[in-house]
Amino acid sequence: MAAKTSGNKEKVLHIHQTPNGREHVDIEMIPIFDDAGSLCYFIELLRPVPLASGVMSQQTMIGSSPAFARMLKSVT
């Protein structure tokens, strides 16, 4: 565990095997120290990364500028 060794916040992209298939999760480990500087515990933040999995997302894109409209037209 790099965060335990370094004592610094660390991030890693992890692939979870789930019943829905492979899901990518961004994991951030934040070490918490006591007043004496000893490591007490970690806060672990998990954020799904739907675009990395290659699975279609239900999220929609937002934008209305002419440049955004041209970009959408070029990729569809």
N, C-alpha and C. Protein backbone atom coordinates (compact mmCIF):
# COMPACT_ATOMS: atom_id res chain seq x y z
N MET A 1 0.84 -1.16 0.00
CA MET A 1 0.00 0.00 0.00
C MET A 1 0.90 1.24 0.00
N ALA A 2 0.91 1.95 -1.09
CA ALA A 2 1.80 3.10 -1.26
C ALA A 2 1.48 4.21 -0.27
N ALA A 3 0.22 4.46 0.03
CA ALA A 3 -0.14 5.54 0.96
C ALA A 3 0.38 5.25 2.36
N LYS A 4 0.39 4.01 2.76
CA LYS A 4 0.91 3.65 4.08
C LYS A 4 2.41 3.86 4.14
N THR A 5 3.11 3.51 3.07
CA THR A 5 4.56 3.65 3.01
C THR A 5 4.98 5.11 2.91
N SER A 6 4.32 5.86 2.02
CA SER A 6 4.72 7.25 1.77
C SER A 6 4.15 8.23 2.80
N GLY A 7 3.00 7.89 3.40
CA GLY A 7 2.34 8.82 4.30
C GLY A 7 1.61 9.93 3.57
N ASN A 8 1.53 9.82 2.23
CA ASN A 8 0.88 10.83 1.41
C ASN A 8 -0.40 10.28 0.80
N LYS A 9 -1.25 11.19 0.35
CA LYS A 9 -2.45 10.80 -0.38
C LYS A 9 -2.02 10.10 -1.67
N GLU A 10 -2.69 9.00 -2.00
CA GLU A 10 -2.37 8.24 -3.21
C GLU A 10 -3.65 7.92 -3.96
N LYS A 11 -3.55 7.85 -5.29
CA LYS A 11 -4.69 7.50 -6.14
C LYS A 11 -4.31 6.35 -7.05
N VAL A 12 -5.30 5.51 -7.35
CA VAL A 12 -5.10 4.41 -8.28
C VAL A 12 -6.42 4.12 -8.98
N LEU A 13 -6.34 3.71 -10.23
CA LEU A 13 -7.52 3.27 -10.97
C LEU A 13 -7.60 1.76 -10.82
N HIS A 14 -8.71 1.27 -10.31
CA HIS A 14 -8.86 -0.15 -10.04
C HIS A 14 -10.00 -0.70 -10.88
N ILE A 15 -9.85 -1.93 -11.34
CA ILE A 15 -10.90 -2.59 -12.11
C ILE A 15 -11.57 -3.61 -11.21
N HIS A 16 -12.88 -3.44 -11.00
CA HIS A 16 -13.66 -4.37 -10.19
C HIS A 16 -14.41 -5.32 -11.12
N GLN A 17 -14.38 -6.59 -10.80
CA GLN A 17 -15.18 -7.57 -11.53
C GLN A 17 -16.51 -7.68 -10.81
N THR A 18 -17.59 -7.29 -11.46
CA THR A 18 -18.91 -7.29 -10.84
C THR A 18 -19.86 -8.13 -11.67
N PRO A 19 -21.06 -8.41 -11.15
CA PRO A 19 -22.05 -9.13 -11.97
C PRO A 19 -22.40 -8.39 -13.26
N ASN A 20 -22.18 -7.08 -13.29
CA ASN A 20 -22.43 -6.29 -14.51
C ASN A 20 -21.23 -6.25 -15.44
N GLY A 21 -20.15 -6.93 -15.08
CA GLY A 21 -18.93 -6.90 -15.88
C GLY A 21 -17.87 -6.07 -15.21
N ARG A 22 -16.87 -5.69 -15.99
CA ARG A 22 -15.75 -4.89 -15.46
C ARG A 22 -16.20 -3.46 -15.22
N GLU A 23 -15.92 -2.95 -14.03
CA GLU A 23 -16.22 -1.57 -13.70
C GLU A 23 -14.94 -0.91 -13.18
N HIS A 24 -14.64 0.28 -13.70
CA HIS A 24 -13.45 1.02 -13.29
C HIS A 24 -13.81 1.96 -12.15
N VAL A 25 -12.94 1.99 -11.14
CA VAL A 25 -13.16 2.83 -9.97
C VAL A 25 -11.85 3.56 -9.65
N ASP A 26 -11.95 4.87 -9.48
CA ASP A 26 -10.82 5.68 -9.05
C ASP A 26 -10.80 5.63 -7.52
N ILE A 27 -9.72 5.11 -6.94
CA ILE A 27 -9.61 4.97 -5.50
C ILE A 27 -8.57 5.95 -4.98
N GLU A 28 -8.96 6.75 -3.98
CA GLU A 28 -8.05 7.71 -3.37
C GLU A 28 -7.93 7.36 -1.89
N MET A 29 -6.71 7.14 -1.43
CA MET A 29 -6.44 6.83 -0.03
C MET A 29 -5.82 8.06 0.62
N ILE A 30 -6.44 8.53 1.71
CA ILE A 30 -5.95 9.71 2.43
C ILE A 30 -5.57 9.27 3.83
N PRO A 31 -4.27 9.31 4.17
CA PRO A 31 -3.87 8.91 5.52
C PRO A 31 -4.23 9.99 6.55
N ILE A 32 -4.65 9.56 7.73
CA ILE A 32 -5.00 10.46 8.82
C ILE A 32 -4.05 10.16 9.99
N PHE A 33 -3.41 11.20 10.48
CA PHE A 33 -2.41 11.07 11.54
C PHE A 33 -2.92 11.69 12.83
N ASP A 34 -2.45 11.18 13.95
CA ASP A 34 -2.77 11.79 15.24
C ASP A 34 -1.82 12.96 15.50
N ASP A 35 -1.99 13.61 16.64
CA ASP A 35 -1.17 14.79 16.97
C ASP A 35 0.32 14.47 17.07
N ALA A 36 0.65 13.22 17.39
CA ALA A 36 2.05 12.81 17.50
C ALA A 36 2.65 12.44 16.15
N GLY A 37 1.83 12.44 15.10
CA GLY A 37 2.32 12.11 13.77
C GLY A 37 2.23 10.64 13.41
N SER A 38 1.59 9.84 14.27
CA SER A 38 1.41 8.41 13.98
C SER A 38 0.19 8.21 13.10
N LEU A 39 0.30 7.29 12.17
CA LEU A 39 -0.80 6.97 11.27
C LEU A 39 -1.92 6.31 12.07
N CYS A 40 -3.12 6.87 11.99
CA CYS A 40 -4.28 6.32 12.72
C CYS A 40 -5.14 5.45 11.80
N TYR A 41 -5.52 6.00 10.66
CA TYR A 41 -6.37 5.29 9.72
C TYR A 41 -6.36 6.01 8.38
N PHE A 42 -7.10 5.46 7.43
CA PHE A 42 -7.20 6.04 6.09
C PHE A 42 -8.65 6.40 5.80
N ILE A 43 -8.82 7.44 5.04
CA ILE A 43 -10.11 7.70 4.42
C ILE A 43 -9.97 7.20 2.99
N GLU A 44 -10.90 6.37 2.57
CA GLU A 44 -10.86 5.80 1.22
C GLU A 44 -12.03 6.37 0.43
N LEU A 45 -11.72 7.08 -0.65
CA LEU A 45 -12.73 7.65 -1.53
C LEU A 45 -12.81 6.81 -2.80
N LEU A 46 -14.00 6.33 -3.13
CA LEU A 46 -14.21 5.54 -4.34
C LEU A 46 -15.11 6.33 -5.28
N ARG A 47 -14.63 6.51 -6.50
CA ARG A 47 -15.40 7.23 -7.51
C ARG A 47 -15.49 6.37 -8.77
N PRO A 48 -16.70 6.02 -9.20
CA PRO A 48 -16.83 5.25 -10.43
C PRO A 48 -16.34 6.07 -11.62
N VAL A 49 -15.73 5.39 -12.57
CA VAL A 49 -15.24 6.03 -13.79
C VAL A 49 -15.95 5.35 -14.96
N PRO A 50 -17.19 5.77 -15.27
CA PRO A 50 -17.97 5.07 -16.28
C PRO A 50 -17.37 5.13 -17.68
N LEU A 51 -16.68 6.20 -18.03
CA LEU A 51 -16.14 6.31 -19.39
C LEU A 51 -14.96 5.38 -19.61
N ALA A 52 -14.23 5.03 -18.56
CA ALA A 52 -13.08 4.14 -18.70
C ALA A 52 -13.50 2.71 -18.97
N SER A 53 -14.72 2.36 -18.60
CA SER A 53 -15.15 0.97 -18.73
C SER A 53 -15.57 0.62 -20.15
N GLY A 54 -15.80 1.60 -20.97
CA GLY A 54 -16.24 1.31 -22.34
C GLY A 54 -17.70 0.93 -22.42
N VAL A 55 -18.43 1.05 -21.33
CA VAL A 55 -19.85 0.73 -21.29
C VAL A 55 -20.61 2.04 -21.49
N MET A 56 -21.66 1.99 -22.30
CA MET A 56 -22.45 3.19 -22.53
C MET A 56 -23.03 3.70 -21.21
N SER A 57 -22.97 4.97 -21.02
CA SER A 57 -23.46 5.61 -19.81
C SER A 57 -24.81 6.23 -20.07
N GLN A 58 -25.56 6.44 -19.00
CA GLN A 58 -26.84 7.12 -19.10
C GLN A 58 -26.68 8.63 -18.97
N GLN A 59 -25.45 9.09 -18.77
CA GLN A 59 -25.20 10.51 -18.63
C GLN A 59 -25.33 11.20 -19.97
N THR A 60 -25.80 12.44 -19.93
CA THR A 60 -25.91 13.22 -21.16
C THR A 60 -24.91 14.36 -21.13
N MET A 61 -24.57 14.83 -22.32
CA MET A 61 -23.64 15.95 -22.43
C MET A 61 -24.45 17.25 -22.36
N ILE A 62 -23.83 18.27 -21.80
CA ILE A 62 -24.50 19.56 -21.66
C ILE A 62 -23.69 20.61 -22.40
N GLY A 63 -24.36 21.41 -23.17
CA GLY A 63 -23.68 22.49 -23.87
C GLY A 63 -24.57 23.07 -24.94
N SER A 64 -24.37 24.33 -25.25
CA SER A 64 -25.20 24.96 -26.28
C SER A 64 -24.42 25.93 -27.16
N SER A 65 -23.12 26.03 -26.94
CA SER A 65 -22.34 26.97 -27.74
C SER A 65 -22.18 26.43 -29.17
N PRO A 66 -21.95 27.31 -30.12
CA PRO A 66 -21.72 26.85 -31.50
C PRO A 66 -20.54 25.87 -31.60
N ALA A 67 -19.48 26.12 -30.85
CA ALA A 67 -18.33 25.21 -30.88
C ALA A 67 -18.72 23.83 -30.36
N PHE A 68 -19.51 23.77 -29.29
CA PHE A 68 -19.96 22.50 -28.74
C PHE A 68 -20.85 21.78 -29.75
N ALA A 69 -21.75 22.48 -30.39
CA ALA A 69 -22.63 21.90 -31.40
C ALA A 69 -21.82 21.32 -32.57
N ARG A 70 -20.79 22.04 -33.03
CA ARG A 70 -19.93 21.54 -34.11
C ARG A 70 -19.20 20.27 -33.68
N MET A 71 -18.71 20.26 -32.44
CA MET A 71 -18.02 19.08 -31.93
C MET A 71 -18.95 17.88 -31.90
N LEU A 72 -20.18 18.07 -31.40
CA LEU A 72 -21.14 16.96 -31.37
C LEU A 72 -21.47 16.47 -32.78
N LYS A 73 -21.62 17.38 -33.71
CA LYS A 73 -21.93 16.99 -35.08
C LYS A 73 -20.77 16.18 -35.69
N SER A 74 -19.55 16.50 -35.34
CA SER A 74 -18.41 15.80 -35.92
C SER A 74 -18.23 14.38 -35.35
N VAL A 75 -18.76 14.12 -34.15
CA VAL A 75 -18.58 12.79 -33.55
C VAL A 75 -19.79 11.90 -33.71
N THR A 76 -20.90 12.43 -34.22
CA THR A 76 -22.11 11.60 -34.39
C THR A 76 -22.33 11.22 -35.82
